Each structure stands twice: as structure tokens, then as C-alpha cells.
Amino acid sequence: MAIEYRGFQINVDTKADATDTQWLCRADIKGVESQLRDVALPVVELEFPKLKIDVLMVVSMVEHKARQSIDDWHTAHPATA
């Protein structure tokens, strides 16, 4: 799944681990607007036990952390905001 937020594209991928007991969720964050094309923020990765949380909640949490990372980047780089 991919979403755009404040000039960045967040690509979220979720899958079960090899033992099928945990959700592995990863969000790649890359700049898509002209002044942000060369910016790639650190990957957000989370693991959660499948028995304790629904996959949609995992995706939501990773998206939230990715958006927070983008907000933090914009705060640190106000000239490009």
C-alpha cells in the first residue's frame, strides 16, 4: 500500500514471519516532490505477535510512525517545508 504525505511517499508492506507467529511491517519513505526527490528517510519497521493484534492495526501503527518521521524531518528542515 502506498500513500503520499507532505511531499513524501510511504510504501507499506506487511507479511507474516517464517514461523507465521508475527506480523512484519515495513514502511519505506521517499521524497516525491521536486525539492524532496533526493530525500530518503529511515525505514520504519515493526514486529507484532499475530495473536495479540490485527494486521490492520499493525499497518495503521506503521503509517503513524512514518508520518511522525516525516513531520520530524520537516521540523528539522523548515526551509523545504
C-alpha atoms as a PDB file:
ATOM      1  CA  MET A   1       0.000   0.000   0.000  1.00  0.00           C
ATOM      2  CA  ALA A   2       1.299   3.488  -0.811  1.00  0.00           C
ATOM      3  CA  ILE A   3       0.201   6.886   0.487  1.00  0.00           C
ATOM      4  CA  GLU A   4       1.548  10.403  -0.017  1.00  0.00           C
ATOM      5  CA  TYR A   5       2.077  12.768   2.900  1.00  0.00           C
ATOM      6  CA  ARG A   6       3.711  16.216   2.908  1.00  0.00           C
ATOM      7  CA  GLY A   7       5.755  15.598  -0.239  1.00  0.00           C
ATOM      8  CA  PHE A   8       6.798  12.045   0.625  1.00  0.00           C
ATOM      9  CA  GLN A   9       5.513   8.659  -0.489  1.00  0.00           C
ATOM     10  CA  ILE A  10       5.120   5.985   2.190  1.00  0.00           C
ATOM     11  CA  ASN A  11       5.163   2.404   0.879  1.00  0.00           C
ATOM     12  CA  VAL A  12       3.911  -0.059   3.481  1.00  0.00           C
ATOM     13  CA  ASP A  13       4.466  -3.807   3.217  1.00  0.00           C
ATOM     14  CA  THR A  14       3.123  -6.285   5.759  1.00  0.00           C
ATOM     15  CA  LYS A  15       3.694 -10.022   5.885  1.00  0.00           C
ATOM     16  CA  ALA A  16       3.839 -12.901   8.329  1.00  0.00           C
ATOM     17  CA  ASP A  17       7.232 -14.084   9.544  1.00  0.00           C
ATOM     18  CA  ALA A  18       8.681 -17.505   8.666  1.00  0.00           C
ATOM     19  CA  THR A  19       7.012 -19.149  11.687  1.00  0.00           C
ATOM     20  CA  ASP A  20       3.664 -17.444  10.968  1.00  0.00           C
ATOM     21  CA  THR A  21       3.518 -16.108  14.531  1.00  0.00           C
ATOM     22  CA  GLN A  22       4.333 -12.429  13.984  1.00  0.00           C
ATOM     23  CA  TRP A  23       3.443  -9.592  11.619  1.00  0.00           C
ATOM     24  CA  LEU A  24       6.458  -7.959   9.994  1.00  0.00           C
ATOM     25  CA  CYS A  25       5.578  -4.491   8.795  1.00  0.00           C
ATOM     26  CA  ARG A  26       7.892  -2.129   6.933  1.00  0.00           C
ATOM     27  CA  ALA A  27       7.418   1.401   5.628  1.00  0.00           C
ATOM     28  CA  ASP A  28       9.825   2.905   3.081  1.00  0.00           C
ATOM     29  CA  ILE A  29       9.712   6.714   2.906  1.00  0.00           C
ATOM     30  CA  LYS A  30      10.942   8.586  -0.168  1.00  0.00           C
ATOM     31  CA  GLY A  31      10.538  12.171  -1.333  1.00  0.00           C
ATOM     32  CA  VAL A  32       8.299  12.650  -4.386  1.00  0.00           C
ATOM     33  CA  GLU A  33       8.015  16.429  -4.750  1.00  0.00           C
ATOM     34  CA  SER A  34      10.741  18.155  -6.779  1.00  0.00           C
ATOM     35  CA  GLN A  35      12.671  19.626  -3.830  1.00  0.00           C
ATOM     36  CA  LEU A  36      12.423  16.337  -1.895  1.00  0.00           C
ATOM     37  CA  ARG A  37      13.259  13.772  -4.612  1.00  0.00           C
ATOM     38  CA  ASP A  38      16.740  13.080  -3.216  1.00  0.00           C
ATOM     39  CA  VAL A  39      15.489  12.662   0.367  1.00  0.00           C
ATOM     40  CA  ALA A  40      15.005   9.136   1.715  1.00  0.00           C
ATOM     41  CA  LEU A  41      14.074   8.860   5.368  1.00  0.00           C
ATOM     42  CA  PRO A  42      14.976   5.833   7.512  1.00  0.00           C
ATOM     43  CA  VAL A  43      12.798   2.756   7.104  1.00  0.00           C
ATOM     44  CA  VAL A  44      10.162   2.167   9.794  1.00  0.00           C
ATOM     45  CA  GLU A  45       9.959  -1.497  10.835  1.00  0.00           C
ATOM     46  CA  LEU A  46       7.742  -3.070  13.470  1.00  0.00           C
ATOM     47  CA  GLU A  47       7.030  -6.654  14.544  1.00  0.00           C
ATOM     48  CA  PHE A  48       3.908  -7.716  16.422  1.00  0.00           C
ATOM     49  CA  PRO A  49       2.573 -11.084  17.603  1.00  0.00           C
ATOM     50  CA  LYS A  50      -0.269 -12.201  15.333  1.00  0.00           C
ATOM     51  CA  LEU A  51      -2.333 -13.441  18.278  1.00  0.00           C
ATOM     52  CA  LYS A  52      -2.333 -10.058  20.032  1.00  0.00           C
ATOM     53  CA  ILE A  53      -3.051  -7.600  17.229  1.00  0.00           C
ATOM     54  CA  ASP A  54      -4.920  -7.409  13.932  1.00  0.00           C
ATOM     55  CA  VAL A  55      -2.941  -6.763  10.736  1.00  0.00           C
ATOM     56  CA  LEU A  56      -4.894  -3.544  10.056  1.00  0.00           C
ATOM     57  CA  MET A  57      -3.815  -2.178  13.426  1.00  0.00           C
ATOM     58  CA  VAL A  58      -0.189  -3.004  12.569  1.00  0.00           C
ATOM     59  CA  VAL A  59      -0.455  -1.150   9.260  1.00  0.00           C
ATOM     60  CA  SER A  60      -2.057   1.820  10.997  1.00  0.00           C
ATOM     61  CA  MET A  61       0.710   1.966  13.608  1.00  0.00           C
ATOM     62  CA  VAL A  62       3.470   1.814  10.983  1.00  0.00           C
ATOM     63  CA  GLU A  63       1.775   4.528   8.910  1.00  0.00           C
ATOM     64  CA  HIS A  64       1.516   6.704  12.018  1.00  0.00           C
ATOM     65  CA  LYS A  65       5.226   6.232  12.824  1.00  0.00           C
ATOM     66  CA  ALA A  66       6.147   7.008   9.194  1.00  0.00           C
ATOM     67  CA  ARG A  67       4.064  10.205   9.236  1.00  0.00           C
ATOM     68  CA  GLN A  68       5.696  11.201  12.532  1.00  0.00           C
ATOM     69  CA  SER A  69       9.116  10.664  10.927  1.00  0.00           C
ATOM     70  CA  ILE A  70       8.107  12.970   8.054  1.00  0.00           C
ATOM     71  CA  ASP A  71       6.793  15.602  10.477  1.00  0.00           C
ATOM     72  CA  ASP A  72      10.072  15.421  12.429  1.00  0.00           C
ATOM     73  CA  TRP A  73      12.055  15.841   9.193  1.00  0.00           C
ATOM     74  CA  HIS A  74      10.015  18.912   8.222  1.00  0.00           C
ATOM     75  CA  THR A  75      10.567  20.391  11.696  1.00  0.00           C
ATOM     76  CA  ALA A  76      14.339  19.875  11.313  1.00  0.00           C
ATOM     77  CA  HIS A  77      14.349  21.305   7.752  1.00  0.00           C
ATOM     78  CA  PRO A  78      11.950  24.279   7.793  1.00  0.00           C
ATOM     79  CA  ALA A  79      13.414  25.815   4.611  1.00  0.00           C
ATOM     80  CA  THR A  80      11.975  22.993   2.477  1.00  0.00           C
ATOM     81  CA  ALA A  81       8.564  22.863   4.141  1.00  0.00           C
END
